[in-house]
């Protein structure tokens, strides 16, 4: 299925806590905004040495820290981690080495982050924070399940695929893809399609379940 973006809410920024003052650097367009700041939901759990040189051997699955702050959402933890392991194994997009943090947030929390980082208190789909590879942190992806629930019909995707698309989009931002202009947007959409097609082919779409309370 061809996946086209029907939203202008994709957002990107960097990691980890505590929050510093705003850096003032931002690139914006109707499809993406990239900010240089730290993660509001995740502190580094350890101080690791700089990443080792890449090996030709098959990479060890990266650590993926999952935080489900949305009581209406059921998250299959192992399957969600495997999404990122599958994307890493494609080796098509160079996401930094290190632990990846993924947070599923409520409408209120996501709106608060959107306000803090964009001065816009409306709901947004994805906010991606760049990591600190020298500390073993690849980055953080924050997503809003309620947005996926409300928007799934626009792309004619099941809820689980819509939410997985948000994870894919955040991952691609960490790999350096953006959608700030038509050319970059075309590359992003093509990468999203490739990633989603691969995840479907290997039956790796997590069975997320959302039941509004």
C-alpha atoms as a PDB file:
ATOM      1  CA  UNK A   1       0.000   0.000   0.000  1.00  0.00           C
ATOM      2  CA  UNK A   2       1.310   3.436  -0.850  1.00  0.00           C
ATOM      3  CA  UNK A   3       1.674   5.591   2.235  1.00  0.00           C
ATOM      4  CA  UNK A   4       1.368   9.305   1.770  1.00  0.00           C
ATOM      5  CA  UNK A   5       1.638  11.803   4.580  1.00  0.00           C
ATOM      6  CA  UNK A   6      -1.599  13.608   5.178  1.00  0.00           C
ATOM      7  CA  UNK A   7      -0.447  15.554   8.223  1.00  0.00           C
ATOM      8  CA  UNK A   8       1.858  18.463   8.904  1.00  0.00           C
ATOM      9  CA  UNK A   9       2.667  17.436  12.457  1.00  0.00           C
ATOM     10  CA  UNK A  10       5.956  15.513  12.044  1.00  0.00           C
ATOM     11  CA  UNK A  11       8.505  16.983  14.458  1.00  0.00           C
ATOM     12  CA  UNK A  12      12.160  16.349  15.217  1.00  0.00           C
ATOM     13  CA  UNK A  13      14.560  17.486  17.978  1.00  0.00           C
ATOM     14  CA  UNK A  14      17.671  15.949  20.308  1.00  0.00           C
ATOM     15  CA  UNK A  15      18.379  14.027  23.723  1.00  0.00           C
ATOM     16  CA  UNK A  16      18.758  13.533  26.873  1.00  0.00           C
ATOM     17  CA  UNK A  17      17.726  15.309  30.182  1.00  0.00           C
ATOM     18  CA  UNK A  18      17.798  17.702  32.069  1.00  0.00           C
ATOM     19  CA  UNK A  19      16.461  20.367  29.738  1.00  0.00           C
ATOM     20  CA  UNK A  20      18.848  23.153  28.755  1.00  0.00           C
ATOM     21  CA  UNK A  21      17.746  26.590  27.595  1.00  0.00           C
ATOM     22  CA  UNK A  22      16.430  26.686  24.022  1.00  0.00           C
ATOM     23  CA  UNK A  23      19.223  26.542  21.486  1.00  0.00           C
ATOM     24  CA  UNK A  24      17.437  28.743  19.007  1.00  0.00           C
ATOM     25  CA  UNK A  25      18.204  26.503  16.039  1.00  0.00           C
ATOM     26  CA  UNK A  26      15.155  25.327  14.148  1.00  0.00           C
ATOM     27  CA  UNK A  27      14.297  24.373  10.610  1.00  0.00           C
ATOM     28  CA  UNK A  28      10.637  24.434   9.711  1.00  0.00           C
ATOM     29  CA  UNK A  29       8.350  23.579   6.828  1.00  0.00           C
ATOM     30  CA  UNK A  30       4.739  22.459   6.406  1.00  0.00           C
ATOM     31  CA  UNK A  31       5.842  18.857   7.058  1.00  0.00           C
ATOM     32  CA  UNK A  32       8.688  18.852   9.561  1.00  0.00           C
ATOM     33  CA  UNK A  33      10.351  20.874  12.276  1.00  0.00           C
ATOM     34  CA  UNK A  34      13.734  19.973  13.718  1.00  0.00           C
ATOM     35  CA  UNK A  35      14.850  21.265  17.102  1.00  0.00           C
ATOM     36  CA  UNK A  36      18.157  21.085  18.981  1.00  0.00           C
ATOM     37  CA  UNK A  37      17.154  20.215  22.528  1.00  0.00           C
ATOM     38  CA  UNK A  38      17.235  17.404  25.043  1.00  0.00           C
ATOM     39  CA  UNK A  39      14.764  14.655  25.862  1.00  0.00           C
ATOM     40  CA  UNK A  40      11.982  15.567  28.292  1.00  0.00           C
ATOM     41  CA  UNK A  41      11.094  11.974  29.223  1.00  0.00           C
ATOM     42  CA  UNK A  42      14.317   9.981  29.492  1.00  0.00           C
ATOM     43  CA  UNK A  43      17.536  10.393  31.487  1.00  0.00           C
ATOM     44  CA  UNK A  44      20.700   8.523  30.518  1.00  0.00           C
ATOM     45  CA  UNK A  45      20.911   5.382  32.649  1.00  0.00           C
ATOM     46  CA  UNK A  46      24.646   4.981  32.293  1.00  0.00           C
ATOM     47  CA  UNK A  47      27.699   6.748  30.923  1.00  0.00           C
ATOM     48  CA  UNK A  48      29.109   4.517  28.199  1.00  0.00           C
ATOM     49  CA  UNK A  49      32.386   4.798  26.341  1.00  0.00           C
ATOM     50  CA  UNK A  50      32.259   6.180  22.791  1.00  0.00           C
ATOM     51  CA  UNK A  51      30.883   3.662  20.285  1.00  0.00           C
ATOM     52  CA  UNK A  52      33.399   1.149  18.995  1.00  0.00           C
ATOM     53  CA  UNK A  53      34.334   1.111  15.302  1.00  0.00           C
ATOM     54  CA  UNK A  54      31.759  -0.686  13.189  1.00  0.00           C
ATOM     55  CA  UNK A  55      32.348  -4.380  12.632  1.00  0.00           C
ATOM     56  CA  UNK A  56      31.536  -6.439   9.593  1.00  0.00           C
ATOM     57  CA  UNK A  57      29.826  -8.980  11.855  1.00  0.00           C
ATOM     58  CA  UNK A  58      26.053  -8.973  12.252  1.00  0.00           C
ATOM     59  CA  UNK A  59      25.165  -6.292  14.747  1.00  0.00           C
ATOM     60  CA  UNK A  60      23.833  -7.150  18.174  1.00  0.00           C
ATOM     61  CA  UNK A  61      20.204  -5.997  18.589  1.00  0.00           C
ATOM     62  CA  UNK A  62      20.217  -2.528  20.075  1.00  0.00           C
ATOM     63  CA  UNK A  63      18.657  -1.837  23.442  1.00  0.00           C
ATOM     64  CA  UNK A  64      15.237  -0.219  23.059  1.00  0.00           C
ATOM     65  CA  UNK A  65      13.744   1.364  26.162  1.00  0.00           C
ATOM     66  CA  UNK A  66       9.949   1.573  26.000  1.00  0.00           C
ATOM     67  CA  UNK A  67       7.779   3.861  28.099  1.00  0.00           C
ATOM     68  CA  UNK A  68       4.002   3.538  27.855  1.00  0.00           C
ATOM     69  CA  UNK A  69       2.482   6.605  29.465  1.00  0.00           C
ATOM     70  CA  UNK A  70      -0.909   6.013  27.843  1.00  0.00           C
ATOM     71  CA  UNK A  71      -3.259   3.784  29.820  1.00  0.00           C
ATOM     72  CA  UNK A  72      -5.560   3.361  26.811  1.00  0.00           C
ATOM     73  CA  UNK A  73      -2.790   1.686  24.813  1.00  0.00           C
ATOM     74  CA  UNK A  74      -1.646  -1.927  24.949  1.00  0.00           C
ATOM     75  CA  UNK A  75       1.982  -2.242  23.800  1.00  0.00           C
ATOM     76  CA  UNK A  76       3.481  -5.643  22.869  1.00  0.00           C
ATOM     77  CA  UNK A  77       6.952  -4.908  24.197  1.00  0.00           C
ATOM     78  CA  UNK A  78       9.032  -7.558  22.430  1.00  0.00           C
ATOM     79  CA  UNK A  79       7.316  -6.980  19.078  1.00  0.00           C
ATOM     80  CA  UNK A  80       7.791  -3.215  19.360  1.00  0.00           C
ATOM     81  CA  UNK A  81      11.506  -3.609  20.035  1.00  0.00           C
ATOM     82  CA  UNK A  82      11.765  -5.923  17.044  1.00  0.00           C
ATOM     83  CA  UNK A  83      10.449  -3.169  14.759  1.00  0.00           C
ATOM     84  CA  UNK A  84      13.680  -1.270  15.338  1.00  0.00           C
ATOM     85  CA  UNK A  85      15.817  -4.402  15.113  1.00  0.00           C
ATOM     86  CA  UNK A  86      14.294  -5.113  11.692  1.00  0.00           C
ATOM     87  CA  UNK A  87      14.929  -1.540  10.569  1.00  0.00           C
ATOM     88  CA  UNK A  88      18.513  -1.720  11.831  1.00  0.00           C
ATOM     89  CA  UNK A  89      19.064  -4.982   9.960  1.00  0.00           C
ATOM     90  CA  UNK A  90      17.901  -3.410   6.705  1.00  0.00           C
ATOM     91  CA  UNK A  91      21.014  -1.230   7.049  1.00  0.00           C
ATOM     92  CA  UNK A  92      19.398   1.299   4.714  1.00  0.00           C
ATOM     93  CA  UNK A  93      19.425   4.239   7.136  1.00  0.00           C
ATOM     94  CA  UNK A  94      22.396   5.031   9.432  1.00  0.00           C
ATOM     95  CA  UNK A  95      20.775   5.602  12.818  1.00  0.00           C
ATOM     96  CA  UNK A  96      23.485   6.209  15.455  1.00  0.00           C
ATOM     97  CA  UNK A  97      24.596   3.330  17.651  1.00  0.00           C
ATOM     98  CA  UNK A  98      23.297   3.158  21.218  1.00  0.00           C
ATOM     99  CA  UNK A  99      20.090   2.746  23.152  1.00  0.00           C
ATOM    100  CA  UNK A 100      16.890   3.981  21.572  1.00  0.00           C
ATOM    101  CA  UNK A 101      14.146   5.355  23.801  1.00  0.00           C
ATOM    102  CA  UNK A 102      10.504   5.235  22.674  1.00  0.00           C
ATOM    103  CA  UNK A 103       7.687   6.914  24.584  1.00  0.00           C
ATOM    104  CA  UNK A 104       3.944   6.501  23.967  1.00  0.00           C
ATOM    105  CA  UNK A 105       2.350   9.611  25.433  1.00  0.00           C
ATOM    106  CA  UNK A 106      -1.115  10.877  26.248  1.00  0.00           C
ATOM    107  CA  UNK A 107      -2.769  13.734  24.389  1.00  0.00           C
ATOM    108  CA  UNK A 108      -2.036  16.083  27.296  1.00  0.00           C
ATOM    109  CA  UNK A 109       1.629  15.138  27.534  1.00  0.00           C
ATOM    110  CA  UNK A 110       2.197  15.370  23.791  1.00  0.00           C
ATOM    111  CA  UNK A 111       0.454  18.759  23.615  1.00  0.00           C
ATOM    112  CA  UNK A 112       2.651  19.965  26.475  1.00  0.00           C
ATOM    113  CA  UNK A 113       5.811  18.856  24.680  1.00  0.00           C
ATOM    114  CA  UNK A 114       4.566  20.467  21.471  1.00  0.00           C
ATOM    115  CA  UNK A 115       4.020  23.685  23.367  1.00  0.00           C
ATOM    116  CA  UNK A 116       7.425  23.513  25.073  1.00  0.00           C
ATOM    117  CA  UNK A 117       9.355  22.846  21.884  1.00  0.00           C
ATOM    118  CA  UNK A 118       7.195  24.557  19.242  1.00  0.00           C
ATOM    119  CA  UNK A 119       5.140  27.078  21.175  1.00  0.00           C
ATOM    120  CA  UNK A 120       2.111  25.251  19.763  1.00  0.00           C
ATOM    121  CA  UNK A 121      -0.202  23.504  22.196  1.00  0.00           C
ATOM    122  CA  UNK A 122      -2.042  21.450  19.563  1.00  0.00           C
ATOM    123  CA  UNK A 123      -1.689  17.677  19.322  1.00  0.00           C
ATOM    124  CA  UNK A 124       1.153  16.356  17.173  1.00  0.00           C
ATOM    125  CA  UNK A 125       1.998  12.844  15.949  1.00  0.00           C
ATOM    126  CA  UNK A 126       5.732  12.434  16.504  1.00  0.00           C
ATOM    127  CA  UNK A 127       8.525  14.311  18.252  1.00  0.00           C
ATOM    128  CA  UNK A 128      12.009  12.909  17.710  1.00  0.00           C
ATOM    129  CA  UNK A 129      14.935  13.897  19.922  1.00  0.00           C
ATOM    130  CA  UNK A 130      18.496  13.437  18.772  1.00  0.00           C
ATOM    131  CA  UNK A 131      20.661  11.367  21.080  1.00  0.00           C
ATOM    132  CA  UNK A 132      24.162  11.477  22.496  1.00  0.00           C
ATOM    133  CA  UNK A 133      26.016   8.604  20.776  1.00  0.00           C
ATOM    134  CA  UNK A 134      29.130   9.279  22.858  1.00  0.00           C
ATOM    135  CA  UNK A 135      27.031   8.370  25.918  1.00  0.00           C
ATOM    136  CA  UNK A 136      25.450   5.348  24.249  1.00  0.00           C
ATOM    137  CA  UNK A 137      22.135   7.050  23.462  1.00  0.00           C
ATOM    138  CA  UNK A 138      20.832   6.904  19.892  1.00  0.00           C
ATOM    139  CA  UNK A 139      17.852   9.182  20.469  1.00  0.00           C
ATOM    140  CA  UNK A 140      14.242   9.256  21.561  1.00  0.00           C
ATOM    141  CA  UNK A 141      10.978   8.974  19.660  1.00  0.00           C
ATOM    142  CA  UNK A 142       7.785  10.263  21.308  1.00  0.00           C
ATOM    143  CA  UNK A 143       4.470   9.371  19.679  1.00  0.00           C
ATOM    144  CA  UNK A 144       0.803  10.092  20.348  1.00  0.00           C
ATOM    145  CA  UNK A 145      -1.380   6.941  20.075  1.00  0.00           C
ATOM    146  CA  UNK A 146      -4.542   9.036  20.283  1.00  0.00           C
ATOM    147  CA  UNK A 147      -3.486  10.863  17.109  1.00  0.00           C
ATOM    148  CA  UNK A 148      -2.983   7.528  15.338  1.00  0.00           C
ATOM    149  CA  UNK A 149      -6.436   6.442  16.525  1.00  0.00           C
ATOM    150  CA  UNK A 150      -8.081   9.616  15.241  1.00  0.00           C
ATOM    151  CA  UNK A 151      -6.103   9.830  11.992  1.00  0.00           C
ATOM    152  CA  UNK A 152      -5.982   6.181  10.897  1.00  0.00           C
ATOM    153  CA  UNK A 153      -8.960   6.545   8.552  1.00  0.00           C
ATOM    154  CA  UNK A 154      -7.327   9.312   6.513  1.00  0.00           C
ATOM    155  CA  UNK A 155      -4.649   6.914   5.217  1.00  0.00           C
ATOM    156  CA  UNK A 156      -6.955   3.888   5.334  1.00  0.00           C
ATOM    157  CA  UNK A 157      -4.489   2.119   7.622  1.00  0.00           C
ATOM    158  CA  UNK A 158      -5.346  -0.055  10.610  1.00  0.00           C
ATOM    159  CA  UNK A 159      -4.495   1.603  13.915  1.00  0.00           C
ATOM    160  CA  UNK A 160      -1.465  -0.649  14.497  1.00  0.00           C
ATOM    161  CA  UNK A 161       0.014   0.287  11.119  1.00  0.00           C
ATOM    162  CA  UNK A 162      -0.645   3.994  11.596  1.00  0.00           C
ATOM    163  CA  UNK A 163       1.143   3.955  14.949  1.00  0.00           C
ATOM    164  CA  UNK A 164       3.995   1.868  13.509  1.00  0.00           C
ATOM    165  CA  UNK A 165       4.338   4.445  10.729  1.00  0.00           C
ATOM    166  CA  UNK A 166       4.932   7.092  13.411  1.00  0.00           C
ATOM    167  CA  UNK A 167       7.730   4.944  14.875  1.00  0.00           C
ATOM    168  CA  UNK A 168       9.224   4.493  11.412  1.00  0.00           C
ATOM    169  CA  UNK A 169       9.064   8.220  10.730  1.00  0.00           C
ATOM    170  CA  UNK A 170      10.862   9.016  13.976  1.00  0.00           C
ATOM    171  CA  UNK A 171      13.510   6.399  13.217  1.00  0.00           C
ATOM    172  CA  UNK A 172      14.095   7.921   9.788  1.00  0.00           C
ATOM    173  CA  UNK A 173      14.548  11.356  11.340  1.00  0.00           C
ATOM    174  CA  UNK A 174      17.262   9.894  13.577  1.00  0.00           C
ATOM    175  CA  UNK A 175      18.891   8.555  10.395  1.00  0.00           C
ATOM    176  CA  UNK A 176      19.042  12.090   9.023  1.00  0.00           C
ATOM    177  CA  UNK A 177      16.041  12.064   6.702  1.00  0.00           C
ATOM    178  CA  UNK A 178      13.752  15.059   6.766  1.00  0.00           C
ATOM    179  CA  UNK A 179      10.849  16.516   4.841  1.00  0.00           C
ATOM    180  CA  UNK A 180      11.595  20.223   4.857  1.00  0.00           C
ATOM    181  CA  UNK A 181      11.265  20.605   1.100  1.00  0.00           C
ATOM    182  CA  UNK A 182       9.624  18.656  -1.755  1.00  0.00           C
ATOM    183  CA  UNK A 183      12.790  16.705  -2.644  1.00  0.00           C
ATOM    184  CA  UNK A 184      13.487  15.680   0.960  1.00  0.00           C
ATOM    185  CA  UNK A 185       9.800  14.909   1.473  1.00  0.00           C
ATOM    186  CA  UNK A 186       9.798  12.569  -1.537  1.00  0.00           C
ATOM    187  CA  UNK A 187      12.792  10.680  -0.104  1.00  0.00           C
ATOM    188  CA  UNK A 188      11.128  10.445   3.297  1.00  0.00           C
ATOM    189  CA  UNK A 189       7.884   9.088   1.834  1.00  0.00           C
ATOM    190  CA  UNK A 190       9.831   6.519  -0.227  1.00  0.00           C
ATOM    191  CA  UNK A 191      11.763   5.407   2.860  1.00  0.00           C
ATOM    192  CA  UNK A 192       8.534   5.120   4.842  1.00  0.00           C
ATOM    193  CA  UNK A 193       7.015   2.933   2.147  1.00  0.00           C
ATOM    194  CA  UNK A 194      10.092   0.727   1.967  1.00  0.00           C
ATOM    195  CA  UNK A 195      10.225   0.329   5.750  1.00  0.00           C
ATOM    196  CA  UNK A 196       6.517  -0.396   6.121  1.00  0.00           C
ATOM    197  CA  UNK A 197       6.522  -2.852   3.203  1.00  0.00           C
ATOM    198  CA  UNK A 198       9.425  -4.694   4.829  1.00  0.00           C
ATOM    199  CA  UNK A 199       7.736  -4.831   8.225  1.00  0.00           C
ATOM    200  CA  UNK A 200       4.564  -6.193   6.635  1.00  0.00           C
ATOM    201  CA  UNK A 201       6.529  -8.783   4.641  1.00  0.00           C
ATOM    202  CA  UNK A 202       8.177 -10.190   7.774  1.00  0.00           C
ATOM    203  CA  UNK A 203       4.941  -9.920   9.796  1.00  0.00           C
ATOM    204  CA  UNK A 204       6.569  -7.430  12.174  1.00  0.00           C
ATOM    205  CA  UNK A 205       3.772  -4.890  12.677  1.00  0.00           C
ATOM    206  CA  UNK A 206       3.149  -4.887  16.444  1.00  0.00           C
ATOM    207  CA  UNK A 207      -0.422  -5.611  17.482  1.00  0.00           C
ATOM    208  CA  UNK A 208      -1.020  -2.332  19.245  1.00  0.00           C
ATOM    209  CA  UNK A 209      -4.472  -2.008  20.757  1.00  0.00           C
ATOM    210  CA  UNK A 210      -6.064   1.322  21.674  1.00  0.00           C
ATOM    211  CA  UNK A 211      -9.215   1.508  23.773  1.00  0.00           C
ATOM    212  CA  UNK A 212     -10.215   5.055  24.710  1.00  0.00           C
ATOM    213  CA  UNK A 213     -11.302   5.170  28.333  1.00  0.00           C
END
